[in-house]
Amino acid sequence: MTSTASAAPEISPRSQTQRRILIVLVTSQVLSGAGLAAGITVGALLAQDMLGSTGLAGLPSALFTAGSALAAVAVGRISQARGRRPGLAAGYLTGAVGGAGVIAAALADSPVLLFITLFVYGAGSATNLQARYAGADLAAPDRRGRAVSTVLVATTLGGVVGPNLTSSTGDLAHALGIPRLAGPFLLATVAYAAAALVLAIWLRPDPLLLARTLDTEQPLDSGASGTEVTAQARSAGVVLGALIMVVTQVVMVAIMTMTPVHMHDHGHTTAASGLVIGVHVAAMYLPSPLTGRLADLPHARLRSRGGTPIGRIKVAIASGITLLAAGILAATAPADSVAPLALALGLLGLGWNLGLVAGTAIITDTVPLATRAKTQGMVDVSIAIAGATGGLASGLVVAAAGYPVLALTGGILALAVLPAIAATASSR
């Protein structure tokens, strides 16, 4: 009885604070998910409409993904110096400014302005991803996967609702004298601004700053701050986590970007494209609770040998296999049928989710709190550059060889996570 009572004050305040922080992060993620979905759904179509060419239809995805790379550095550095709250709030506010700029570009029918503002709009995407790290700052080592997944799954509601509001936001835009394809960016602007406001007001105490304070008083995990994890193991962990997320990102972005264009070219409506992207976004985030639990088991290996828990590795391997299945199905799906494409994009989202949760948990396991936010920001830069490359290349591949070739190539490329895991793990 005495030991239980004395232990409670040490554990309860931290867990209560973690729950409160997760509630705030979940709220902001629901809002930001709607903003994130706008660019995915109509960005390529808007550029195609302005330019009259499919070859550069992948450029919007490349631009806002490249913008997210710069934003990842900025958010990471602000978070490192001042905490998660100012970093995340600034990132979402920048995304809102970019969304408003896209609307202005559509009104002016200016491709140059469109491309500039899509770059700025990418800050929202980077911030949406960076928020997952905030969820893990105060989490116990054997619950990091679940903490990350809780933040990710919250994006589902906004991410699924957003694409399915394409028609209604287009109608609203038309009523306001704005081109219909810019309609979803009205939602994005409001959603990102609201997410910034929620974080600026309610993300208190700051999870990263509090984690640092608590770590100096009583280290949470020797694997994060003690001597059991060597510098070589930490470096290998960062490389492994980054490789997993980079490969899954480039494959996901490339296929996802050109699917609405592929559907549009075969007579499907924007509502049908919105449905397929909605399924995709749901699969990107909805499986997160299960993925997080799988990634967290078993955790004893991290404590005892400084290695990566086998659960993380198995989830990463499943990512590559799932993305291969998605590419094969997308490549062979009848162009006039929505259901197979929806299933393919669902698998694509699931594969991305598996890779992101596993990679994020591995990074968080191996990076000490003193440099965590900065390192995480730099890792997300690599992810964003990979996405930008995939988005830009996707339009060129489709223009030269067709959508099936793009999908099949992406699926095969996803298998690169397997030798990456083997090579990096063997160096540990």
Protein backbone atom coordinates (compact mmCIF):
# COMPACT_ATOMS: atom_id res chain seq x y z
CA MET A 1 0.00 0.00 0.00
CA THR A 2 2.76 2.42 0.97
CA SER A 3 4.82 1.85 -2.15
CA THR A 4 1.77 2.23 -4.38
CA ALA A 5 0.77 5.47 -2.74
CA SER A 6 4.28 6.89 -2.95
CA ALA A 7 4.65 5.91 -6.60
CA ALA A 8 1.38 7.52 -7.68
CA PRO A 9 2.53 11.15 -7.40
CA GLU A 10 5.52 10.40 -9.65
CA ILE A 11 3.53 8.71 -12.40
CA SER A 12 0.11 10.36 -12.35
CA PRO A 13 1.02 14.02 -13.07
CA ARG A 14 3.06 13.06 -16.12
CA SER A 15 0.39 10.76 -17.53
CA GLN A 16 -2.36 13.32 -16.88
CA THR A 17 -0.34 16.01 -18.65
CA GLN A 18 0.30 13.65 -21.56
CA ARG A 19 -3.42 12.97 -21.91
CA ARG A 20 -4.22 16.69 -21.89
CA ILE A 21 -1.55 17.42 -24.50
CA LEU A 22 -2.84 14.60 -26.71
CA ILE A 23 -6.37 16.07 -26.55
CA VAL A 24 -5.09 19.44 -27.76
CA LEU A 25 -2.98 17.83 -30.49
CA VAL A 26 -5.91 15.67 -31.61
CA THR A 27 -8.14 18.75 -31.90
CA SER A 28 -5.59 20.61 -34.01
CA GLN A 29 -5.01 17.55 -36.19
CA VAL A 30 -8.71 17.19 -36.96
CA LEU A 31 -8.72 20.76 -38.22
CA SER A 32 -5.43 20.56 -40.10
CA GLY A 33 -6.44 17.32 -41.79
CA ALA A 34 -9.09 19.19 -43.75
CA GLY A 35 -6.51 21.76 -44.83
CA LEU A 36 -4.02 19.09 -45.82
CA ALA A 37 -6.52 17.30 -48.06
CA ALA A 38 -7.24 20.33 -50.27
CA GLY A 39 -3.90 20.32 -52.06
CA ILE A 40 -3.98 16.55 -52.50
CA THR A 41 -7.42 16.57 -54.08
CA VAL A 42 -7.36 19.49 -56.51
CA GLY A 43 -3.81 20.87 -56.61
CA ALA A 44 -2.84 18.87 -59.69
CA LEU A 45 -6.17 19.57 -61.39
CA LEU A 46 -5.85 23.31 -60.77
CA ALA A 47 -2.38 23.37 -62.34
CA GLN A 48 -3.54 21.24 -65.26
CA ASP A 49 -6.43 23.62 -65.85
CA MET A 50 -4.19 26.69 -65.79
CA LEU A 51 -1.37 25.22 -67.88
CA GLY A 52 -3.40 23.00 -70.21
CA SER A 53 -0.80 20.27 -69.81
CA THR A 54 -0.56 16.98 -67.92
CA GLY A 55 3.24 16.95 -67.96
CA LEU A 56 3.48 19.56 -65.20
CA ALA A 57 0.41 18.42 -63.26
CA GLY A 58 2.72 16.86 -60.69
CA LEU A 59 4.43 20.21 -60.08
CA PRO A 60 1.95 21.43 -57.40
CA SER A 61 2.58 18.34 -55.30
CA ALA A 62 6.31 18.82 -55.77
CA LEU A 63 6.09 22.47 -54.79
CA PHE A 64 4.04 22.17 -51.64
CA THR A 65 6.13 19.16 -50.66
CA ALA A 66 9.30 21.19 -51.26
CA GLY A 67 7.74 23.99 -49.22
CA SER A 68 7.14 21.51 -46.47
CA ALA A 69 10.86 20.70 -46.50
CA LEU A 70 11.77 24.29 -45.72
CA ALA A 71 8.98 24.47 -43.17
CA ALA A 72 10.20 21.28 -41.49
CA VAL A 73 13.57 22.93 -40.87
CA ALA A 74 11.92 26.08 -39.54
CA VAL A 75 9.40 24.28 -37.33
CA GLY A 76 12.13 21.97 -36.02
CA ARG A 77 14.46 24.84 -35.17
CA ILE A 78 11.73 26.93 -33.52
CA SER A 79 10.64 23.89 -31.53
CA GLN A 80 14.23 23.15 -30.53
CA ALA A 81 14.75 26.69 -29.26
CA ARG A 82 11.32 27.64 -27.89
CA GLY A 83 9.18 24.49 -27.71
CA ARG A 84 6.55 22.69 -29.75
CA ARG A 85 3.77 25.25 -29.23
CA PRO A 86 5.32 28.22 -31.08
CA GLY A 87 6.83 25.94 -33.74
CA LEU A 88 3.61 24.16 -34.63
CA ALA A 89 1.42 27.28 -34.41
CA ALA A 90 3.74 29.21 -36.73
CA GLY A 91 3.77 26.35 -39.23
CA TYR A 92 -0.02 26.13 -39.45
CA LEU A 93 -0.38 29.90 -39.73
CA THR A 94 2.06 29.88 -42.65
CA GLY A 95 0.01 27.14 -44.30
CA ALA A 96 -3.11 29.29 -43.94
CA VAL A 97 -1.34 32.19 -45.67
CA GLY A 98 -0.37 29.86 -48.50
CA GLY A 99 -3.95 28.64 -48.89
CA ALA A 100 -5.19 32.21 -49.19
CA GLY A 101 -2.48 32.85 -51.77
CA VAL A 102 -3.65 29.91 -53.90
CA ILE A 103 -7.13 31.44 -53.99
CA ALA A 104 -5.62 34.76 -55.09
CA ALA A 105 -3.65 32.96 -57.81
CA ALA A 106 -6.79 31.28 -59.10
CA LEU A 107 -8.61 34.62 -59.21
CA ALA A 108 -5.70 36.19 -61.10
CA ASP A 109 -5.27 33.10 -63.32
CA SER A 110 -1.55 33.30 -62.56
CA PRO A 111 0.41 30.02 -62.69
CA VAL A 112 3.50 31.74 -61.28
CA LEU A 113 1.60 33.00 -58.24
CA LEU A 114 -0.02 29.58 -57.89
CA PHE A 115 3.34 27.84 -57.73
CA ILE A 116 4.77 30.36 -55.24
CA THR A 117 1.79 30.11 -52.90
CA LEU A 118 1.63 26.31 -53.14
CA PHE A 119 5.21 26.34 -51.87
CA VAL A 120 4.09 28.41 -48.87
CA TYR A 121 1.00 26.23 -48.42
CA GLY A 122 3.32 23.25 -47.93
CA ALA A 123 4.12 24.53 -44.44
CA GLY A 124 0.79 23.13 -43.28
CA SER A 125 1.70 19.65 -44.48
CA ALA A 126 5.07 19.75 -42.70
CA THR A 127 3.46 20.94 -39.48
CA ASN A 128 0.81 18.25 -39.64
CA LEU A 129 3.58 15.65 -39.68
CA GLN A 130 5.74 17.39 -37.07
CA ALA A 131 2.83 17.26 -34.60
CA ARG A 132 3.31 13.49 -34.29
CA TYR A 133 6.63 14.08 -32.56
CA ALA A 134 4.94 16.33 -29.99
CA GLY A 135 2.66 13.43 -29.09
CA ALA A 136 5.68 11.26 -28.24
CA ASP A 137 7.70 13.79 -26.21
CA LEU A 138 6.20 12.78 -22.85
CA ALA A 139 5.28 9.19 -23.75
CA ALA A 140 6.92 6.26 -21.99
CA PRO A 141 9.30 4.32 -24.28
CA ASP A 142 6.93 1.36 -24.62
CA ARG A 143 4.04 3.65 -25.60
CA ARG A 144 5.71 5.89 -28.16
CA GLY A 145 4.19 4.10 -31.13
CA ARG A 146 0.73 4.49 -29.65
CA ALA A 147 1.30 8.16 -28.82
CA VAL A 148 2.40 8.87 -32.39
CA SER A 149 -0.57 6.92 -33.74
CA THR A 150 -3.04 8.85 -31.58
CA VAL A 151 -1.94 12.11 -33.15
CA LEU A 152 -1.94 10.64 -36.65
CA VAL A 153 -5.39 9.07 -36.42
CA ALA A 154 -6.89 12.43 -35.47
CA THR A 155 -6.09 13.66 -38.97
CA THR A 156 -8.53 11.12 -40.35
CA LEU A 157 -11.73 13.06 -39.73
CA GLY A 158 -10.62 16.25 -41.43
CA GLY A 159 -8.66 14.35 -44.06
CA VAL A 160 -11.67 12.26 -45.08
CA VAL A 161 -14.27 15.01 -44.84
CA GLY A 162 -12.11 17.52 -46.73
CA PRO A 163 -11.89 15.73 -50.11
CA ASN A 164 -15.60 14.88 -50.00
CA LEU A 165 -16.40 18.57 -49.65
CA THR A 166 -14.77 19.27 -53.02
CA SER A 167 -18.09 19.82 -54.76
CA SER A 168 -19.68 21.91 -52.01
CA THR A 169 -16.61 24.08 -51.50
CA GLY A 170 -16.43 24.46 -55.27
CA ASP A 171 -20.04 25.67 -55.26
CA LEU A 172 -19.24 28.12 -52.49
CA ALA A 173 -16.21 29.38 -54.39
CA HIS A 174 -18.30 29.83 -57.54
CA ALA A 175 -20.88 31.81 -55.57
CA LEU A 176 -18.08 34.07 -54.32
CA GLY A 177 -16.70 34.54 -57.83
CA ILE A 178 -13.73 32.23 -57.29
CA PRO A 179 -12.84 29.37 -59.69
CA ARG A 180 -14.42 26.12 -58.50
CA LEU A 181 -11.14 24.20 -58.27
CA ALA A 182 -9.88 26.73 -55.74
CA GLY A 183 -12.84 26.03 -53.46
CA PRO A 184 -11.09 23.45 -51.22
CA PHE A 185 -8.42 26.03 -50.45
CA LEU A 186 -11.07 28.17 -48.77
CA LEU A 187 -11.52 25.30 -46.33
CA ALA A 188 -7.75 24.84 -46.04
CA THR A 189 -7.16 28.47 -45.12
CA VAL A 190 -9.76 28.47 -42.36
CA ALA A 191 -8.75 25.01 -41.07
CA TYR A 192 -5.04 25.77 -40.81
CA ALA A 193 -5.69 29.12 -39.11
CA ALA A 194 -8.00 27.43 -36.58
CA ALA A 195 -5.38 24.72 -35.88
CA ALA A 196 -2.76 27.41 -35.21
CA LEU A 197 -5.12 29.16 -32.80
CA VAL A 198 -5.89 25.96 -30.86
CA LEU A 199 -2.20 25.19 -30.37
CA ALA A 200 -1.20 28.75 -29.50
CA ILE A 201 -3.84 28.97 -26.77
CA TRP A 202 -4.07 25.46 -25.29
CA LEU A 203 -0.84 23.53 -25.85
CA ARG A 204 0.35 24.22 -22.32
CA PRO A 205 2.59 23.05 -20.77
CA ASP A 206 4.80 22.65 -23.79
CA PRO A 207 5.48 18.88 -24.13
CA LEU A 208 9.08 19.16 -25.32
CA LEU A 209 10.13 21.73 -22.73
CA LEU A 210 8.44 19.74 -19.96
CA ALA A 211 10.06 16.50 -21.16
CA ARG A 212 13.48 18.15 -20.97
CA THR A 213 12.80 19.38 -17.44
CA LEU A 214 11.60 15.99 -16.26
CA ASP A 215 14.48 14.23 -18.00
CA THR A 216 17.03 16.23 -16.03
CA GLU A 217 15.23 15.42 -12.79
CA GLN A 218 14.54 11.73 -13.47
CA PRO A 219 15.51 10.24 -16.85
CA LEU A 220 12.54 8.49 -18.40
CA ASP A 221 14.50 6.04 -20.48
CA SER A 222 18.13 5.08 -20.59
CA GLY A 223 17.67 4.36 -24.27
CA ALA A 224 17.02 8.03 -24.87
CA SER A 225 19.35 9.76 -22.48
CA GLY A 226 21.60 7.21 -20.79
CA THR A 227 24.74 5.45 -21.86
CA GLU A 228 23.32 2.11 -23.01
CA VAL A 229 22.66 3.38 -26.53
CA THR A 230 25.99 4.12 -28.21
CA ALA A 231 26.60 6.94 -30.69
CA GLN A 232 26.86 4.35 -33.47
CA ALA A 233 23.51 2.83 -32.51
CA ARG A 234 21.89 6.26 -32.41
CA SER A 235 23.26 7.15 -35.83
CA ALA A 236 22.10 3.84 -37.28
CA GLY A 237 18.67 4.35 -35.74
CA VAL A 238 18.29 7.77 -37.35
CA VAL A 239 19.41 6.41 -40.72
CA LEU A 240 17.06 3.43 -40.49
CA GLY A 241 14.03 5.48 -39.46
CA ALA A 242 14.71 8.10 -42.13
CA LEU A 243 15.20 5.52 -44.91
CA ILE A 244 11.92 3.81 -44.09
CA MET A 245 9.98 7.08 -44.16
CA VAL A 246 11.72 8.45 -47.26
CA VAL A 247 10.99 5.38 -49.39
CA THR A 248 7.36 5.17 -48.31
CA GLN A 249 6.88 8.91 -48.86
CA VAL A 250 8.22 9.03 -52.42
CA VAL A 251 6.10 6.04 -53.48
CA MET A 252 2.95 7.32 -51.82
CA VAL A 253 3.22 10.88 -53.17
CA ALA A 254 4.02 9.79 -56.73
CA ILE A 255 1.02 7.47 -57.10
CA MET A 256 -1.38 9.62 -55.07
CA THR A 257 -0.59 12.80 -57.01
CA MET A 258 -1.45 11.42 -60.43
CA THR A 259 -4.49 9.34 -59.48
CA PRO A 260 -6.95 12.28 -59.67
CA VAL A 261 -5.43 13.30 -63.02
CA HIS A 262 -5.67 9.71 -64.28
CA MET A 263 -9.32 9.58 -63.22
CA HIS A 264 -10.11 12.98 -64.73
CA ASP A 265 -8.58 11.94 -68.04
CA HIS A 266 -10.88 8.90 -68.10
CA GLY A 267 -14.08 10.84 -67.51
CA HIS A 268 -14.46 10.60 -63.74
CA THR A 269 -15.87 13.58 -61.85
CA THR A 270 -14.09 15.55 -59.14
CA ALA A 271 -16.54 13.99 -56.68
CA ALA A 272 -15.29 10.53 -57.67
CA SER A 273 -11.70 11.69 -57.30
CA GLY A 274 -12.57 13.14 -53.91
CA LEU A 275 -14.03 9.81 -52.83
CA VAL A 276 -10.89 7.90 -53.84
CA ILE A 277 -8.61 10.42 -52.14
CA GLY A 278 -10.86 10.30 -49.08
CA VAL A 279 -10.38 6.53 -48.88
CA HIS A 280 -6.66 7.06 -49.31
CA VAL A 281 -6.41 9.66 -46.55
CA ALA A 282 -8.51 7.49 -44.23
CA ALA A 283 -6.13 4.59 -44.79
CA MET A 284 -3.17 6.90 -44.15
CA TYR A 285 -4.34 7.68 -40.64
CA LEU A 286 -7.23 5.47 -39.46
CA PRO A 287 -5.15 2.28 -38.89
CA SER A 288 -2.74 4.22 -36.64
CA PRO A 289 -3.93 2.85 -33.25
CA LEU A 290 -3.33 -0.72 -34.39
CA THR A 291 -0.09 0.20 -36.15
CA GLY A 292 1.17 1.93 -33.01
CA ARG A 293 0.44 -1.08 -30.82
CA LEU A 294 2.20 -3.40 -33.24
CA ALA A 295 5.23 -1.11 -33.40
CA ASP A 296 5.46 -1.01 -29.60
CA LEU A 297 5.73 -4.78 -29.18
CA PRO A 298 7.97 -6.10 -27.80
CA HIS A 299 9.95 -3.26 -26.28
CA ALA A 300 12.36 -5.14 -23.98
CA ARG A 301 15.07 -5.29 -26.65
CA LEU A 302 15.45 -1.51 -26.62
CA ARG A 303 16.11 -1.46 -22.91
CA SER A 304 18.41 -4.47 -22.78
CA ARG A 305 20.62 -4.17 -25.84
CA GLY A 306 20.12 -0.69 -27.29
CA GLY A 307 18.63 -2.15 -30.47
CA THR A 308 15.40 -1.45 -32.32
CA PRO A 309 12.31 -3.26 -30.99
CA ILE A 310 11.33 -6.05 -33.36
CA GLY A 311 7.81 -4.66 -33.59
CA ARG A 312 9.14 -1.55 -35.35
CA ILE A 313 11.02 -3.70 -37.88
CA LYS A 314 8.07 -5.96 -38.67
CA VAL A 315 5.79 -2.97 -39.23
CA ALA A 316 8.37 -1.42 -41.58
CA ILE A 317 8.62 -4.65 -43.59
CA ALA A 318 4.83 -4.80 -43.84
CA SER A 319 4.94 -1.26 -45.24
CA GLY A 320 7.05 -2.26 -48.24
CA ILE A 321 4.90 -5.30 -49.03
CA THR A 322 1.65 -3.31 -48.75
CA LEU A 323 2.92 -0.55 -51.04
CA LEU A 324 3.92 -3.16 -53.63
CA ALA A 325 0.39 -4.55 -53.55
CA ALA A 326 -1.01 -1.03 -53.94
CA GLY A 327 1.16 -0.34 -56.99
CA ILE A 328 0.21 -3.61 -58.71
CA LEU A 329 -3.50 -3.05 -58.11
CA ALA A 330 -3.40 0.58 -59.29
CA ALA A 331 -1.51 -0.44 -62.42
CA THR A 332 -3.99 -3.17 -63.33
CA ALA A 333 -7.24 -1.47 -62.25
CA PRO A 334 -9.72 -0.74 -65.08
CA ALA A 335 -9.58 2.98 -65.85
CA ASP A 336 -13.38 3.24 -65.93
CA SER A 337 -13.91 1.70 -62.49
CA VAL A 338 -13.70 3.65 -59.23
CA ALA A 339 -13.73 0.76 -56.73
CA PRO A 340 -10.38 -0.87 -57.68
CA LEU A 341 -8.66 2.51 -57.66
CA ALA A 342 -10.16 3.28 -54.27
CA LEU A 343 -8.86 -0.04 -52.94
CA ALA A 344 -5.43 0.58 -54.45
CA LEU A 345 -5.23 4.06 -52.91
CA GLY A 346 -6.42 2.59 -49.62
CA LEU A 347 -3.52 0.13 -49.64
CA LEU A 348 -1.21 2.97 -50.63
CA GLY A 349 -2.31 4.96 -47.58
CA LEU A 350 -1.96 1.93 -45.30
CA GLY A 351 1.57 1.23 -46.51
CA TRP A 352 2.53 4.83 -45.88
CA ASN A 353 1.04 4.67 -42.38
CA LEU A 354 3.01 1.55 -41.49
CA GLY A 355 6.26 3.14 -42.63
CA LEU A 356 5.64 6.48 -40.93
CA VAL A 357 4.71 5.05 -37.53
CA ALA A 358 7.62 2.59 -37.51
CA GLY A 359 10.14 5.17 -38.72
CA THR A 360 8.95 7.86 -36.30
CA ALA A 361 9.16 5.51 -33.31
CA ILE A 362 12.68 4.42 -34.29
CA ILE A 363 13.84 8.04 -34.59
CA THR A 364 12.32 8.99 -31.23
CA ASP A 365 13.88 5.94 -29.57
CA THR A 366 17.40 6.87 -30.56
CA VAL A 367 17.60 10.69 -30.45
CA PRO A 368 18.28 12.34 -27.06
CA LEU A 369 15.93 15.08 -25.86
CA ALA A 370 18.65 17.73 -26.06
CA THR A 371 18.73 17.56 -29.87
CA ARG A 372 15.46 15.75 -30.59
CA ALA A 373 13.40 18.52 -32.27
CA LYS A 374 16.25 19.67 -34.52
CA THR A 375 17.04 16.12 -35.65
CA GLN A 376 13.38 15.33 -36.24
CA GLY A 377 13.03 18.46 -38.35
CA MET A 378 16.00 17.47 -40.50
CA VAL A 379 14.60 13.97 -40.95
CA ASP A 380 11.33 15.46 -42.11
CA VAL A 381 13.26 17.59 -44.61
CA SER A 382 14.49 14.36 -46.19
CA ILE A 383 10.93 13.05 -46.24
CA ALA A 384 9.65 16.25 -47.84
CA ILE A 385 12.38 16.26 -50.50
CA ALA A 386 11.53 12.65 -51.30
CA GLY A 387 7.89 13.60 -51.64
CA ALA A 388 8.74 16.56 -53.86
CA THR A 389 10.82 14.30 -56.09
CA GLY A 390 8.01 11.78 -56.32
CA GLY A 391 5.43 14.45 -57.09
CA LEU A 392 7.52 16.11 -59.81
CA ALA A 393 8.59 12.84 -61.42
CA SER A 394 5.06 11.43 -61.38
CA GLY A 395 3.71 13.86 -63.98
CA LEU A 396 6.68 13.29 -66.27
CA VAL A 397 6.37 9.49 -66.00
CA VAL A 398 2.63 9.56 -66.71
CA ALA A 399 3.10 11.89 -69.68
CA ALA A 400 5.83 9.65 -71.11
CA ALA A 401 4.66 6.14 -70.24
CA GLY A 402 1.23 6.29 -68.59
CA TYR A 403 -0.25 5.87 -65.13
CA PRO A 404 0.07 2.04 -64.95
CA VAL A 405 3.85 2.28 -65.43
CA LEU A 406 4.08 4.88 -62.68
CA ALA A 407 2.04 2.76 -60.26
CA LEU A 408 3.96 -0.44 -60.95
CA THR A 409 7.34 1.29 -60.71
CA GLY A 410 6.34 2.83 -57.40
CA GLY A 411 5.27 -0.52 -56.01
CA ILE A 412 8.57 -2.14 -56.95
CA LEU A 413 10.53 0.79 -55.51
CA ALA A 414 8.74 0.29 -52.17
CA LEU A 415 10.58 -2.99 -51.72
CA ALA A 416 13.75 -0.93 -51.22
CA VAL A 417 12.79 -0.71 -47.55
CA LEU A 418 13.69 -4.39 -47.15
CA PRO A 419 17.42 -4.22 -48.03
CA ALA A 420 17.57 -0.85 -46.23
CA ILE A 421 16.29 -2.48 -43.04
CA ALA A 422 18.67 -5.43 -43.43
CA ALA A 423 21.73 -3.29 -44.15
CA THR A 424 21.10 -0.72 -41.44
CA ALA A 425 20.07 -3.25 -38.82
CA SER A 426 23.19 -5.32 -39.44
CA SER A 427 25.36 -2.25 -38.77
CA ARG A 428 23.84 -1.96 -35.30
